Amino acid sequence: MENSLRSCFTVAFMVLLLSAGHLQPTEAQSRCDSVQLSWCLQSIVSNIPPSQECCRRLRTQEACLCRETRDPTFGGYLRHPGARRVATACGVTFPRCD
C-alpha cells in the first residue's frame, strides 16, 4: 500500500514538473527581480531620500510590487510604511495588494 501511494505521488509530481515547463510567464513576471529592490532598502527603513538608482530600479519593478510583498527576503521591507514613502518620492504607484 505504501509503495503504491509513493508511486502514485511520484508520477503525479513528474506530471506536474513536465507540465510546468509549458507554462509561460507574463512579460511582467519574467522581469521581476526582487534583488533590484535592495537599492532602496536604506531609504525604506530610514528617513533618507531615495537615490536616482533606487528610483530607476523601483520603476522597473513596479508591475512586480504585489508579488514581491510576498517574497520571504524583501516582502517585509515592502510592507514597511517607508516603502510607500519611497515609491511616492520615486513617482511609482504602489498598488493595493490583496
PDB file of N, CA and C in Angstrom:
ATOM      1  N   MET A   1       0.827  -1.199   0.000  1.00  0.00           N
ATOM      2  CA  MET A   1       0.000   0.000   0.000  1.00  0.00           C
ATOM      3  C   MET A   1       0.865   1.253   0.000  1.00  0.00           C
ATOM      4  N   GLU A   2       1.892   1.246   0.871  1.00  0.00           N
ATOM      5  CA  GLU A   2       2.770   2.410   0.960  1.00  0.00           C
ATOM      6  C   GLU A   2       3.539   2.617  -0.343  1.00  0.00           C
ATOM      7  N   ASN A   3       4.022   1.526  -0.965  1.00  0.00           N
ATOM      8  CA  ASN A   3       4.734   1.646  -2.243  1.00  0.00           C
ATOM      9  C   ASN A   3       3.816   2.154  -3.339  1.00  0.00           C
ATOM     10  N   SER A   4       2.579   1.714  -3.323  1.00  0.00           N
ATOM     11  CA  SER A   4       1.609   2.159  -4.319  1.00  0.00           C
ATOM     12  C   SER A   4       1.347   3.653  -4.179  1.00  0.00           C
ATOM     13  N   LEU A   5       1.194   4.108  -2.962  1.00  0.00           N
ATOM     14  CA  LEU A   5       0.960   5.521  -2.695  1.00  0.00           C
ATOM     15  C   LEU A   5       2.178   6.352  -3.106  1.00  0.00           C
ATOM     16  N   ARG A   6       3.357   5.853  -2.789  1.00  0.00           N
ATOM     17  CA  ARG A   6       4.595   6.544  -3.148  1.00  0.00           C
ATOM     18  C   ARG A   6       4.737   6.626  -4.664  1.00  0.00           C
ATOM     19  N   SER A   7       4.412   5.541  -5.369  1.00  0.00           N
ATOM     20  CA  SER A   7       4.497   5.530  -6.834  1.00  0.00           C
ATOM     21  C   SER A   7       3.509   6.517  -7.435  1.00  0.00           C
ATOM     22  N   CYS A   8       2.314   6.536  -6.894  1.00  0.00           N
ATOM     23  CA  CYS A   8       1.292   7.465  -7.383  1.00  0.00           C
ATOM     24  C   CYS A   8       1.754   8.911  -7.184  1.00  0.00           C
ATOM     25  N   PHE A   9       2.302   9.209  -6.021  1.00  0.00           N
ATOM     26  CA  PHE A   9       2.808  10.550  -5.731  1.00  0.00           C
ATOM     27  C   PHE A   9       3.941  10.914  -6.684  1.00  0.00           C
ATOM     28  N   THR A  10       4.843   9.978  -6.924  1.00  0.00           N
ATOM     29  CA  THR A  10       5.981  10.229  -7.817  1.00  0.00           C
ATOM     30  C   THR A  10       5.503  10.541  -9.232  1.00  0.00           C
ATOM     31  N   VAL A  11       4.543   9.772  -9.725  1.00  0.00           N
ATOM     32  CA  VAL A  11       4.017  10.005 -11.073  1.00  0.00           C
ATOM     33  C   VAL A  11       3.330  11.369 -11.139  1.00  0.00           C
ATOM     34  N   ALA A  12       2.516  11.685 -10.133  1.00  0.00           N
ATOM     35  CA  ALA A  12       1.831  12.973 -10.110  1.00  0.00           C
ATOM     36  C   ALA A  12       2.839  14.119 -10.073  1.00  0.00           C
ATOM     37  N   PHE A  13       3.889  13.981  -9.286  1.00  0.00           N
ATOM     38  CA  PHE A  13       4.919  15.005  -9.186  1.00  0.00           C
ATOM     39  C   PHE A  13       5.627  15.193 -10.524  1.00  0.00           C
ATOM     40  N   MET A  14       5.945  14.111 -11.212  1.00  0.00           N
ATOM     41  CA  MET A  14       6.623  14.209 -12.505  1.00  0.00           C
ATOM     42  C   MET A  14       5.721  14.863 -13.547  1.00  0.00           C
ATOM     43  N   VAL A  15       4.420  14.543 -13.523  1.00  0.00           N
ATOM     44  CA  VAL A  15       3.481  15.182 -14.456  1.00  0.00           C
ATOM     45  C   VAL A  15       3.448  16.681 -14.188  1.00  0.00           C
ATOM     46  N   LEU A  16       3.426  17.040 -12.915  1.00  0.00           N
ATOM     47  CA  LEU A  16       3.434  18.461 -12.551  1.00  0.00           C
ATOM     48  C   LEU A  16       4.696  19.150 -13.066  1.00  0.00           C
ATOM     49  N   LEU A  17       5.843  18.538 -12.867  1.00  0.00           N
ATOM     50  CA  LEU A  17       7.102  19.116 -13.347  1.00  0.00           C
ATOM     51  C   LEU A  17       7.120  19.265 -14.867  1.00  0.00           C
ATOM     52  N   LEU A  18       6.662  18.238 -15.557  1.00  0.00           N
ATOM     53  CA  LEU A  18       6.656  18.292 -17.013  1.00  0.00           C
ATOM     54  C   LEU A  18       5.686  19.346 -17.535  1.00  0.00           C
ATOM     55  N   SER A  19       4.531  19.471 -16.895  1.00  0.00           N
ATOM     56  CA  SER A  19       3.563  20.467 -17.359  1.00  0.00           C
ATOM     57  C   SER A  19       4.009  21.878 -17.008  1.00  0.00           C
ATOM     58  N   ALA A  20       4.783  22.044 -15.954  1.00  0.00           N
ATOM     59  CA  ALA A  20       5.264  23.374 -15.565  1.00  0.00           C
ATOM     60  C   ALA A  20       6.154  23.971 -16.646  1.00  0.00           C
ATOM     61  N   GLY A  21       6.820  23.155 -17.385  1.00  0.00           N
ATOM     62  CA  GLY A  21       7.674  23.640 -18.463  1.00  0.00           C
ATOM     63  C   GLY A  21       6.898  24.288 -19.591  1.00  0.00           C
ATOM     64  N   HIS A  22       5.614  23.990 -19.674  1.00  0.00           N
ATOM     65  CA  HIS A  22       4.786  24.549 -20.740  1.00  0.00           C
ATOM     66  C   HIS A  22       4.119  25.857 -20.340  1.00  0.00           C
ATOM     67  N   LEU A  23       4.241  26.249 -19.094  1.00  0.00           N
ATOM     68  CA  LEU A  23       3.628  27.490 -18.635  1.00  0.00           C
ATOM     69  C   LEU A  23       4.539  28.652 -19.001  1.00  0.00           C
ATOM     70  N   GLN A  24       3.974  29.662 -19.591  1.00  0.00           N
ATOM     71  CA  GLN A  24       4.742  30.829 -19.989  1.00  0.00           C
ATOM     72  C   GLN A  24       4.441  31.980 -19.033  1.00  0.00           C
ATOM     73  N   PRO A  25       5.465  32.537 -18.392  1.00  0.00           N
ATOM     74  CA  PRO A  25       5.209  33.682 -17.517  1.00  0.00           C
ATOM     75  C   PRO A  25       4.828  34.900 -18.341  1.00  0.00           C
ATOM     76  N   THR A  26       4.061  35.785 -17.743  1.00  0.00           N
ATOM     77  CA  THR A  26       3.742  37.034 -18.425  1.00  0.00           C
ATOM     78  C   THR A  26       5.010  37.856 -18.536  1.00  0.00           C
ATOM     79  N   GLU A  27       4.981  38.864 -19.356  1.00  0.00           N
ATOM     80  CA  GLU A  27       6.157  39.714 -19.542  1.00  0.00           C
ATOM     81  C   GLU A  27       6.589  40.340 -18.222  1.00  0.00           C
ATOM     82  N   ALA A  28       5.618  40.819 -17.444  1.00  0.00           N
ATOM     83  CA  ALA A  28       5.945  41.456 -16.168  1.00  0.00           C
ATOM     84  C   ALA A  28       6.574  40.452 -15.211  1.00  0.00           C
ATOM     85  N   GLN A  29       6.052  39.227 -15.162  1.00  0.00           N
ATOM     86  CA  GLN A  29       6.595  38.230 -14.261  1.00  0.00           C
ATOM     87  C   GLN A  29       8.020  37.850 -14.650  1.00  0.00           C
ATOM     88  N   SER A  30       8.307  37.825 -15.941  1.00  0.00           N
ATOM     89  CA  SER A  30       9.643  37.431 -16.366  1.00  0.00           C
ATOM     90  C   SER A  30      10.676  38.506 -16.030  1.00  0.00           C
ATOM     91  N   ARG A  31      10.247  39.739 -15.778  1.00  0.00           N
ATOM     92  CA  ARG A  31      11.161  40.816 -15.431  1.00  0.00           C
ATOM     93  C   ARG A  31      11.292  40.998 -13.925  1.00  0.00           C
ATOM     94  N   CYS A  32      10.471  40.333 -13.138  1.00  0.00           N
ATOM     95  CA  CYS A  32      10.503  40.528 -11.694  1.00  0.00           C
ATOM     96  C   CYS A  32      11.807  40.007 -11.117  1.00  0.00           C
ATOM     97  N   ASP A  33      12.467  40.868 -10.369  1.00  0.00           N
ATOM     98  CA  ASP A  33      13.729  40.513  -9.735  1.00  0.00           C
ATOM     99  C   ASP A  33      13.814  41.272  -8.421  1.00  0.00           C
ATOM    100  N   SER A  34      13.459  40.612  -7.337  1.00  0.00           N
ATOM    101  CA  SER A  34      13.390  41.285  -6.044  1.00  0.00           C
ATOM    102  C   SER A  34      14.730  41.864  -5.606  1.00  0.00           C
ATOM    103  N   VAL A  35      15.822  41.351  -6.125  1.00  0.00           N
ATOM    104  CA  VAL A  35      17.141  41.878  -5.762  1.00  0.00           C
ATOM    105  C   VAL A  35      17.279  43.338  -6.188  1.00  0.00           C
ATOM    106  N   GLN A  36      16.566  43.734  -7.245  1.00  0.00           N
ATOM    107  CA  GLN A  36      16.618  45.123  -7.692  1.00  0.00           C
ATOM    108  C   GLN A  36      16.132  46.080  -6.610  1.00  0.00           C
ATOM    109  N   LEU A  37      15.271  45.582  -5.732  1.00  0.00           N
ATOM    110  CA  LEU A  37      14.724  46.421  -4.670  1.00  0.00           C
ATOM    111  C   LEU A  37      15.741  46.699  -3.562  1.00  0.00           C
ATOM    112  N   SER A  38      16.820  45.943  -3.535  1.00  0.00           N
ATOM    113  CA  SER A  38      17.829  46.136  -2.490  1.00  0.00           C
ATOM    114  C   SER A  38      18.452  47.527  -2.552  1.00  0.00           C
ATOM    115  N   TRP A  39      18.411  48.163  -3.720  1.00  0.00           N
ATOM    116  CA  TRP A  39      18.942  49.517  -3.859  1.00  0.00           C
ATOM    117  C   TRP A  39      18.146  50.531  -3.046  1.00  0.00           C
ATOM    118  N   CYS A  40      16.935  50.155  -2.632  1.00  0.00           N
ATOM    119  CA  CYS A  40      16.051  51.079  -1.917  1.00  0.00           C
ATOM    120  C   CYS A  40      15.931  50.772  -0.426  1.00  0.00           C
ATOM    121  N   LEU A  41      16.546  49.704   0.035  1.00  0.00           N
ATOM    122  CA  LEU A  41      16.332  49.282   1.421  1.00  0.00           C
ATOM    123  C   LEU A  41      16.712  50.351   2.437  1.00  0.00           C
ATOM    124  N   GLN A  42      17.824  51.015   2.243  1.00  0.00           N
ATOM    125  CA  GLN A  42      18.256  52.038   3.195  1.00  0.00           C
ATOM    126  C   GLN A  42      17.224  53.164   3.289  1.00  0.00           C
ATOM    127  N   SER A  43      16.682  53.557   2.169  1.00  0.00           N
ATOM    128  CA  SER A  43      15.672  54.619   2.164  1.00  0.00           C
ATOM    129  C   SER A  43      14.357  54.151   2.772  1.00  0.00           C
ATOM    130  N   ILE A  44      14.030  52.893   2.579  1.00  0.00           N
ATOM    131  CA  ILE A  44      12.777  52.354   3.115  1.00  0.00           C
ATOM    132  C   ILE A  44      12.806  52.324   4.639  1.00  0.00           C
ATOM    133  N   VAL A  45      13.921  51.899   5.214  1.00  0.00           N
ATOM    134  CA  VAL A  45      13.965  51.727   6.676  1.00  0.00           C
ATOM    135  C   VAL A  45      14.444  52.964   7.418  1.00  0.00           C
ATOM    136  N   SER A  46      14.912  53.965   6.704  1.00  0.00           N
ATOM    137  CA  SER A  46      15.349  55.194   7.365  1.00  0.00           C
ATOM    138  C   SER A  46      14.629  56.364   6.703  1.00  0.00           C
ATOM    139  N   ASN A  47      14.989  57.547   7.079  1.00  0.00           N
ATOM    140  CA  ASN A  47      14.336  58.723   6.501  1.00  0.00           C
ATOM    141  C   ASN A  47      15.200  59.363   5.420  1.00  0.00           C
ATOM    142  N   ILE A  48      16.039  58.572   4.793  1.00  0.00           N
ATOM    143  CA  ILE A  48      16.927  59.055   3.736  1.00  0.00           C
ATOM    144  C   ILE A  48      16.161  59.063   2.416  1.00  0.00           C
ATOM    145  N   PRO A  49      16.213  60.163   1.671  1.00  0.00           N
ATOM    146  CA  PRO A  49      15.534  60.193   0.367  1.00  0.00           C
ATOM    147  C   PRO A  49      16.118  59.122  -0.560  1.00  0.00           C
ATOM    148  N   PRO A  50      15.298  58.541  -1.421  1.00  0.00           N
ATOM    149  CA  PRO A  50      15.806  57.513  -2.330  1.00  0.00           C
ATOM    150  C   PRO A  50      16.750  58.100  -3.375  1.00  0.00           C
ATOM    151  N   SER A  51      17.729  57.314  -3.745  1.00  0.00           N
ATOM    152  CA  SER A  51      18.672  57.740  -4.779  1.00  0.00           C
ATOM    153  C   SER A  51      18.030  57.603  -6.154  1.00  0.00           C
ATOM    154  N   GLN A  52      18.643  58.218  -7.147  1.00  0.00           N
ATOM    155  CA  GLN A  52      18.147  58.083  -8.521  1.00  0.00           C
ATOM    156  C   GLN A  52      18.193  56.622  -8.957  1.00  0.00           C
ATOM    157  N   GLU A  53      19.234  55.912  -8.528  1.00  0.00           N
ATOM    158  CA  GLU A  53      19.362  54.494  -8.894  1.00  0.00           C
ATOM    159  C   GLU A  53      18.251  53.668  -8.252  1.00  0.00           C
ATOM    160  N   CYS A  54      17.937  53.971  -6.997  1.00  0.00           N
ATOM    161  CA  CYS A  54      16.821  53.298  -6.319  1.00  0.00           C
ATOM    162  C   CYS A  54      15.547  53.509  -7.123  1.00  0.00           C
ATOM    163  N   CYS A  55      15.257  54.749  -7.465  1.00  0.00           N
ATOM    164  CA  CYS A  55      14.032  55.065  -8.203  1.00  0.00           C
ATOM    165  C   CYS A  55      14.003  54.388  -9.560  1.00  0.00           C
ATOM    166  N   ARG A  56      15.125  54.381 -10.240  1.00  0.00           N
ATOM    167  CA  ARG A  56      15.178  53.738 -11.557  1.00  0.00           C
ATOM    168  C   ARG A  56      14.853  52.254 -11.437  1.00  0.00           C
ATOM    169  N   ARG A  57      15.459  51.611 -10.461  1.00  0.00           N
ATOM    170  CA  ARG A  57      15.233  50.172 -10.286  1.00  0.00           C
ATOM    171  C   ARG A  57      13.828  49.881  -9.767  1.00  0.00           C
ATOM    172  N   LEU A  58      13.326  50.752  -8.912  1.00  0.00           N
ATOM    173  CA  LEU A  58      11.968  50.574  -8.403  1.00  0.00           C
ATOM    174  C   LEU A  58      10.959  50.678  -9.544  1.00  0.00           C
ATOM    175  N   ARG A  59      11.181  51.602 -10.464  1.00  0.00           N
ATOM    176  CA  ARG A  59      10.281  51.738 -11.621  1.00  0.00           C
ATOM    177  C   ARG A  59      10.288  50.475 -12.480  1.00  0.00           C
ATOM    178  N   THR A  60      11.444  49.821 -12.599  1.00  0.00           N
ATOM    179  CA  THR A  60      11.491  48.589 -13.399  1.00  0.00           C
ATOM    180  C   THR A  60      10.734  47.455 -12.721  1.00  0.00           C
ATOM    181  N   GLN A  61      10.501  47.567 -11.425  1.00  0.00           N
ATOM    182  CA  GLN A  61       9.823  46.518 -10.666  1.00  0.00           C
ATOM    183  C   GLN A  61       8.377  46.877 -10.314  1.00  0.00           C
ATOM    184  N   GLU A  62       7.889  48.001 -10.795  1.00  0.00           N
ATOM    185  CA  GLU A  62       6.560  48.485 -10.415  1.00  0.00           C
ATOM    186  C   GLU A  62       5.470  47.433 -10.627  1.00  0.00           C
ATOM    187  N   ALA A  63       5.501  46.728 -11.740  1.00  0.00           N
ATOM    188  CA  ALA A  63       4.486  45.707 -12.022  1.00  0.00           C
ATOM    189  C   ALA A  63       4.617  44.490 -11.111  1.00  0.00           C
ATOM    190  N   CYS A  64       5.716  44.397 -10.399  1.00  0.00           N
ATOM    191  CA  CYS A  64       6.000  43.226  -9.564  1.00  0.00           C
ATOM    192  C   CYS A  64       5.765  43.467  -8.079  1.00  0.00           C
ATOM    193  N   LEU A  65       5.422  44.679  -7.689  1.00  0.00           N
ATOM    194  CA  LEU A  65       5.407  45.012  -6.266  1.00  0.00           C
ATOM    195  C   LEU A  65       4.472  44.138  -5.439  1.00  0.00           C
ATOM    196  N   CYS A  66       3.292  43.830  -5.939  1.00  0.00           N
ATOM    197  CA  CYS A  66       2.391  42.957  -5.172  1.00  0.00           C
ATOM    198  C   CYS A  66       3.012  41.578  -4.983  1.00  0.00           C
ATOM    199  N   ARG A  67       3.575  41.058  -6.039  1.00  0.00           N
ATOM    200  CA  ARG A  67       4.225  39.742  -5.941  1.00  0.00           C
ATOM    201  C   ARG A  67       5.393  39.804  -4.957  1.00  0.00           C
ATOM    202  N   GLU A  68       6.170  40.868  -5.016  1.00  0.00           N
ATOM    203  CA  GLU A  68       7.345  40.986  -4.163  1.00  0.00           C
ATOM    204  C   GLU A  68       6.999  41.169  -2.681  1.00  0.00           C
ATOM    205  N   THR A  69       5.788  41.661  -2.380  1.00  0.00           N
ATOM    206  CA  THR A  69       5.412  41.794  -0.967  1.00  0.00           C
ATOM    207  C   THR A  69       5.294  40.427  -0.307  1.00  0.00           C
ATOM    208  N   ARG A  70       5.163  39.377  -1.116  1.00  0.00           N
ATOM    209  CA  ARG A  70       5.095  38.013  -0.573  1.00  0.00           C
ATOM    210  C   ARG A  70       6.456  37.325  -0.564  1.00  0.00           C
ATOM    211  N   ASP A  71       7.475  37.993  -1.084  1.00  0.00           N
ATOM    212  CA  ASP A  71       8.823  37.429  -1.129  1.00  0.00           C
ATOM    213  C   ASP A  71       9.372  37.312   0.292  1.00  0.00           C
ATOM    214  N   PRO A  72       9.905  36.145   0.668  1.00  0.00           N
ATOM    215  CA  PRO A  72      10.407  35.974   2.038  1.00  0.00           C
ATOM    216  C   PRO A  72      11.598  36.871   2.367  1.00  0.00           C
ATOM    217  N   THR A  73      12.347  37.306   1.373  1.00  0.00           N
ATOM    218  CA  THR A  73      13.515  38.138   1.632  1.00  0.00           C
ATOM    219  C   THR A  73      13.168  39.617   1.721  1.00  0.00           C
ATOM    220  N   PHE A  74      12.428  40.129   0.748  1.00  0.00           N
ATOM    221  CA  PHE A  74      12.170  41.562   0.675  1.00  0.00           C
ATOM    222  C   PHE A  74      10.739  41.968   1.032  1.00  0.00           C
ATOM    223  N   GLY A  75       9.854  41.008   1.175  1.00  0.00           N
ATOM    224  CA  GLY A  75       8.454  41.319   1.444  1.00  0.00           C
ATOM    225  C   GLY A  75       8.241  42.157   2.690  1.00  0.00           C
ATOM    226  N   GLY A  76       8.976  41.870   3.737  1.00  0.00           N
ATOM    227  CA  GLY A  76       8.841  42.640   4.968  1.00  0.00           C
ATOM    228  C   GLY A  76       9.188  44.100   4.769  1.00  0.00           C
ATOM    229  N   TYR A  77      10.161  44.362   3.936  1.00  0.00           N
ATOM    230  CA  TYR A  77      10.545  45.752   3.649  1.00  0.00           C
ATOM    231  C   TYR A  77       9.451  46.463   2.856  1.00  0.00           C
ATOM    232  N   LEU A  78       8.832  45.738   1.927  1.00  0.00           N
ATOM    233  CA  LEU A  78       7.789  46.353   1.110  1.00  0.00           C
ATOM    234  C   LEU A  78       6.503  46.584   1.893  1.00  0.00           C
ATOM    235  N   ARG A  79       6.335  45.871   2.987  1.00  0.00           N
ATOM    236  CA  ARG A  79       5.173  46.107   3.845  1.00  0.00           C
ATOM    237  C   ARG A  79       5.462  47.190   4.881  1.00  0.00           C
ATOM    238  N   HIS A  80       6.700  47.626   4.965  1.00  0.00           N
ATOM    239  CA  HIS A  80       7.118  48.688   5.883  1.00  0.00           C
ATOM    240  C   HIS A  80       6.532  50.012   5.378  1.00  0.00           C
ATOM    241  N   PRO A  81       6.064  50.890   6.275  1.00  0.00           N
ATOM    242  CA  PRO A  81       5.494  52.175   5.826  1.00  0.00           C
ATOM    243  C   PRO A  81       6.445  52.997   4.958  1.00  0.00           C
ATOM    244  N   GLY A  82       7.744  52.850   5.159  1.00  0.00           N
ATOM    245  CA  GLY A  82       8.706  53.598   4.364  1.00  0.00           C
ATOM    246  C   GLY A  82       8.689  53.228   2.892  1.00  0.00           C
ATOM    247  N   ALA A  83       8.202  52.035   2.555  1.00  0.00           N
ATOM    248  CA  ALA A  83       8.161  51.612   1.150  1.00  0.00           C
ATOM    249  C   ALA A  83       7.214  52.493   0.342  1.00  0.00           C
ATOM    250  N   ARG A  84       6.092  52.839   0.912  1.00  0.00           N
ATOM    251  CA  ARG A  84       5.146  53.719   0.208  1.00  0.00           C
ATOM    252  C   ARG A  84       5.718  55.130   0.070  1.00  0.00           C
ATOM    253  N   ARG A  85       6.436  55.579   1.098  1.00  0.00           N
ATOM    254  CA  ARG A  85       7.061  56.906   1.053  1.00  0.00           C
ATOM    255  C   ARG A  85       8.096  56.947  -0.074  1.00  0.00           C
ATOM    256  N   VAL A  86       8.924  55.905  -0.169  1.00  0.00           N
ATOM    257  CA  VAL A  86       9.949  55.836  -1.213  1.00  0.00           C
ATOM    258  C   VAL A  86       9.291  55.749  -2.588  1.00  0.00           C
ATOM    259  N   ALA A  87       8.256  54.923  -2.717  1.00  0.00           N
ATOM    260  CA  ALA A  87       7.564  54.797  -4.001  1.00  0.00           C
ATOM    261  C   ALA A  87       6.997  56.148  -4.442  1.00  0.00           C
ATOM    262  N   THR A  88       6.390  56.875  -3.515  1.00  0.00           N
ATOM    263  CA  THR A  88       5.834  58.195  -3.837  1.00  0.00           C
ATOM    264  C   THR A  88       6.936  59.151  -4.268  1.00  0.00           C
ATOM    265  N   ALA A  89       8.054  59.151  -3.550  1.00  0.00           N
ATOM    266  CA  ALA A  89       9.182  60.027  -3.891  1.00  0.00           C
ATOM    267  C   ALA A  89       9.746  59.698  -5.276  1.00  0.00           C
ATOM    268  N   CYS A  90       9.629  58.425  -5.666  1.00  0.00           N
ATOM    269  CA  CYS A  90      10.147  57.994  -6.969  1.00  0.00           C
ATOM    270  C   CYS A  90       9.108  58.115  -8.081  1.00  0.00           C
ATOM    271  N   GLY A  91       7.893  58.528  -7.729  1.00  0.00           N
ATOM    272  CA  GLY A  91       6.847  58.635  -8.735  1.00  0.00           C
ATOM    273  C   GLY A  91       6.292  57.290  -9.155  1.00  0.00           C
ATOM    274  N   VAL A  92       6.401  56.303  -8.274  1.00  0.00           N
ATOM    275  CA  VAL A  92       5.912  54.956  -8.555  1.00  0.00           C
ATOM    276  C   VAL A  92       4.606  54.755  -7.804  1.00  0.00           C
ATOM    277  N   THR A  93       3.606  54.250  -8.480  1.00  0.00           N
ATOM    278  CA  THR A  93       2.336  53.950  -7.842  1.00  0.00           C
ATOM    279  C   THR A  93       2.456  52.622  -7.122  1.00  0.00           C
ATOM    280  N   PHE A  94       2.316  52.667  -5.807  1.00  0.00           N
ATOM    281  CA  PHE A  94       2.377  51.432  -5.024  1.00  0.00           C
ATOM    282  C   PHE A  94       0.968  50.838  -5.018  1.00  0.00           C
ATOM    283  N   PRO A  95       0.793  49.665  -5.603  1.00  0.00           N
ATOM    284  CA  PRO A  95      -0.550  49.114  -5.760  1.00  0.00           C
ATOM    285  C   PRO A  95      -1.132  48.599  -4.446  1.00  0.00           C
ATOM    286  N   ARG A  96      -2.447  48.509  -4.416  1.00  0.00           N
ATOM    287  CA  ARG A  96      -3.124  47.840  -3.297  1.00  0.00           C
ATOM    288  C   ARG A  96      -3.072  46.361  -3.602  1.00  0.00           C
ATOM    289  N   CYS A  97      -2.474  45.606  -2.722  1.00  0.00           N
ATOM    290  CA  CYS A  97      -2.304  44.167  -2.935  1.00  0.00           C
ATOM    291  C   CYS A  97      -3.262  43.405  -2.045  1.00  0.00           C
ATOM    292  N   ASP A  98      -3.984  42.451  -2.632  1.00  0.00           N
ATOM    293  CA  ASP A  98      -4.919  41.633  -1.861  1.00  0.00           C
ATOM    294  C   ASP A  98      -4.226  40.404  -1.323  1.00  0.00           C
TER     295      ASP A  98
END
